[in-house]
Amino acid sequence: MIGDHPGIDYSSPVYQSTRERENEEWSVQKHTHTSPTDSFGTINFQDGDHTYHAKYIRTSYDTKLDQLLHLMVKEWQMELPKLVISVHGGIQNFKLPSKVKQVFSKGLVKAAETTGAWIITEGINS
């Protein structure tokens, strides 16, 4: 699989000796590579007898918004939203009893569906 990903430079070594790693300070510029982020699709969530489908887009911080909008409106045939609900932050600092959490989640989805809203999350424990 190495070498199958476009935009990734494989010329620098992947492994270093333990001594080299211990003496070297980690930096974004030196230890990461940028590559195009073009992943999108549908995730299927199974809950008992029900399957729930959610569309996702993995983006880079500098992805152009017009490209996202084109994908969502033209390719996915979504209507423009009347409201955008942005959910940020993880669940680790937001403790709710499971029943309250379930009611809140269902209420949020129902509110989005009835108002023509889009719910946008960071995709991590949201």
Protein backbone atom coordinates (compact mmCIF):
# COMPACT_ATOMS: atom_id res chain seq x y z
CA MET A 1 0.00 0.00 0.00
CA ILE A 2 2.95 2.34 0.48
CA GLY A 3 3.26 4.44 -2.64
CA ASP A 4 -0.41 4.09 -3.57
CA HIS A 5 -1.44 7.45 -2.13
CA PRO A 6 -1.07 10.45 -4.45
CA GLY A 7 0.57 13.56 -3.08
CA ILE A 8 2.63 11.82 -0.40
CA ASP A 9 6.41 11.96 -0.57
CA TYR A 10 7.86 8.54 0.27
CA SER A 11 11.50 9.53 -0.26
CA SER A 12 12.18 10.32 3.42
CA PRO A 13 12.62 7.35 5.76
CA VAL A 14 9.63 6.22 7.78
CA TYR A 15 11.66 4.75 10.66
CA GLN A 16 14.40 6.35 12.73
CA SER A 17 16.58 4.85 15.40
CA THR A 18 15.42 5.24 19.00
CA ARG A 19 18.34 7.56 19.71
CA GLU A 20 17.43 9.86 16.80
CA ARG A 21 13.80 10.04 17.93
CA GLU A 22 14.69 10.79 21.57
CA ASN A 23 16.96 13.71 20.65
CA GLU A 24 14.69 15.24 18.05
CA GLU A 25 11.93 17.75 18.79
CA TRP A 26 8.70 17.01 16.95
CA SER A 27 7.41 19.62 14.52
CA VAL A 28 4.52 19.77 12.07
CA GLN A 29 6.80 20.87 9.24
CA LYS A 30 9.30 18.03 9.70
CA HIS A 31 7.08 15.14 10.77
CA THR A 32 3.96 15.52 8.64
CA HIS A 33 3.20 15.64 4.95
CA THR A 34 0.31 17.40 3.30
CA SER A 35 -1.79 15.59 0.76
CA PRO A 36 -5.13 16.22 -0.90
CA THR A 37 -8.12 15.52 1.31
CA ASP A 38 -10.87 14.25 -0.89
CA SER A 39 -12.69 11.74 1.22
CA PHE A 40 -16.47 11.76 1.37
CA GLY A 41 -19.27 9.27 1.38
CA THR A 42 -21.93 7.68 3.55
CA ILE A 43 -21.51 5.94 6.89
CA ASN A 44 -24.09 3.33 7.86
CA PHE A 45 -24.85 3.06 11.58
CA GLN A 46 -26.55 -0.13 12.74
CA ASP A 47 -28.83 0.13 15.77
CA GLY A 48 -30.67 -3.13 16.29
CA ASP A 49 -33.01 -3.60 13.36
CA HIS A 50 -32.51 -0.06 12.08
CA THR A 51 -29.74 1.27 9.87
CA TYR A 52 -29.05 4.99 9.90
CA HIS A 53 -27.17 6.68 7.09
CA ALA A 54 -25.02 9.78 7.55
CA LYS A 55 -23.09 11.58 4.86
CA TYR A 56 -19.61 12.75 5.73
CA ILE A 57 -16.87 14.91 4.26
CA ARG A 58 -13.30 14.87 5.58
CA THR A 59 -11.76 18.25 4.85
CA SER A 60 -8.58 20.16 5.35
CA TYR A 61 -8.57 23.42 7.28
CA ASP A 62 -8.05 25.31 4.02
CA THR A 63 -10.67 23.57 1.90
CA LYS A 64 -12.64 26.09 -0.14
CA LEU A 65 -16.24 26.42 1.03
CA ASP A 66 -17.55 26.64 -2.53
CA GLN A 67 -16.14 23.14 -3.17
CA LEU A 68 -18.00 21.79 -0.13
CA LEU A 69 -21.20 23.51 -1.16
CA HIS A 70 -20.89 22.14 -4.70
CA LEU A 71 -20.53 18.58 -3.36
CA MET A 72 -23.46 18.91 -0.98
CA VAL A 73 -25.88 20.70 -3.32
CA LYS A 74 -24.93 19.40 -6.77
CA GLU A 75 -23.60 15.88 -6.11
CA TRP A 76 -25.65 14.94 -3.04
CA GLN A 77 -28.73 16.86 -4.22
CA MET A 78 -29.20 18.55 -0.84
CA GLU A 79 -31.34 21.66 -0.59
CA LEU A 80 -29.68 24.81 0.70
CA PRO A 81 -30.28 25.02 4.44
CA LYS A 82 -32.48 27.57 6.13
CA LEU A 83 -30.36 27.14 9.26
CA VAL A 84 -26.92 25.66 10.02
CA ILE A 85 -26.39 24.08 13.44
CA SER A 86 -22.72 23.66 14.27
CA VAL A 87 -21.91 21.24 17.10
CA HIS A 88 -18.38 21.58 18.48
CA GLY A 89 -16.57 19.96 21.36
CA GLY A 90 -16.45 16.43 22.59
CA ILE A 91 -18.76 14.60 24.90
CA GLN A 92 -16.06 14.10 27.54
CA ASN A 93 -16.83 17.43 29.26
CA PHE A 94 -20.58 17.31 28.75
CA LYS A 95 -22.04 14.75 31.15
CA LEU A 96 -25.70 13.91 30.66
CA PRO A 97 -27.76 10.97 31.85
CA SER A 98 -28.23 8.59 28.92
CA LYS A 99 -32.00 9.19 28.75
CA VAL A 100 -31.51 12.99 28.61
CA LYS A 101 -28.77 12.57 25.99
CA GLN A 102 -31.06 10.39 23.86
CA VAL A 103 -33.96 12.86 24.11
CA PHE A 104 -31.62 15.78 23.28
CA SER A 105 -30.16 13.99 20.25
CA LYS A 106 -33.57 13.03 18.88
CA GLY A 107 -34.85 16.57 19.50
CA LEU A 108 -31.88 18.10 17.70
CA VAL A 109 -32.39 15.86 14.67
CA LYS A 110 -36.14 16.56 14.63
CA ALA A 111 -35.52 20.31 14.86
CA ALA A 112 -33.10 20.09 11.93
CA GLU A 113 -35.49 18.01 9.83
CA THR A 114 -38.52 20.24 10.43
CA THR A 115 -36.67 23.52 9.79
CA GLY A 116 -34.55 22.45 6.83
CA ALA A 117 -31.32 22.82 8.81
CA TRP A 118 -27.95 21.17 8.36
CA ILE A 119 -26.14 19.83 11.41
CA ILE A 120 -22.37 20.16 11.08
CA THR A 121 -20.02 18.51 13.59
CA GLU A 122 -16.31 18.01 13.98
CA GLY A 123 -17.07 14.30 13.77
CA ILE A 124 -15.51 13.30 17.09
CA ASN A 125 -17.90 12.30 19.89
CA SER A 126 -20.46 14.80 18.67
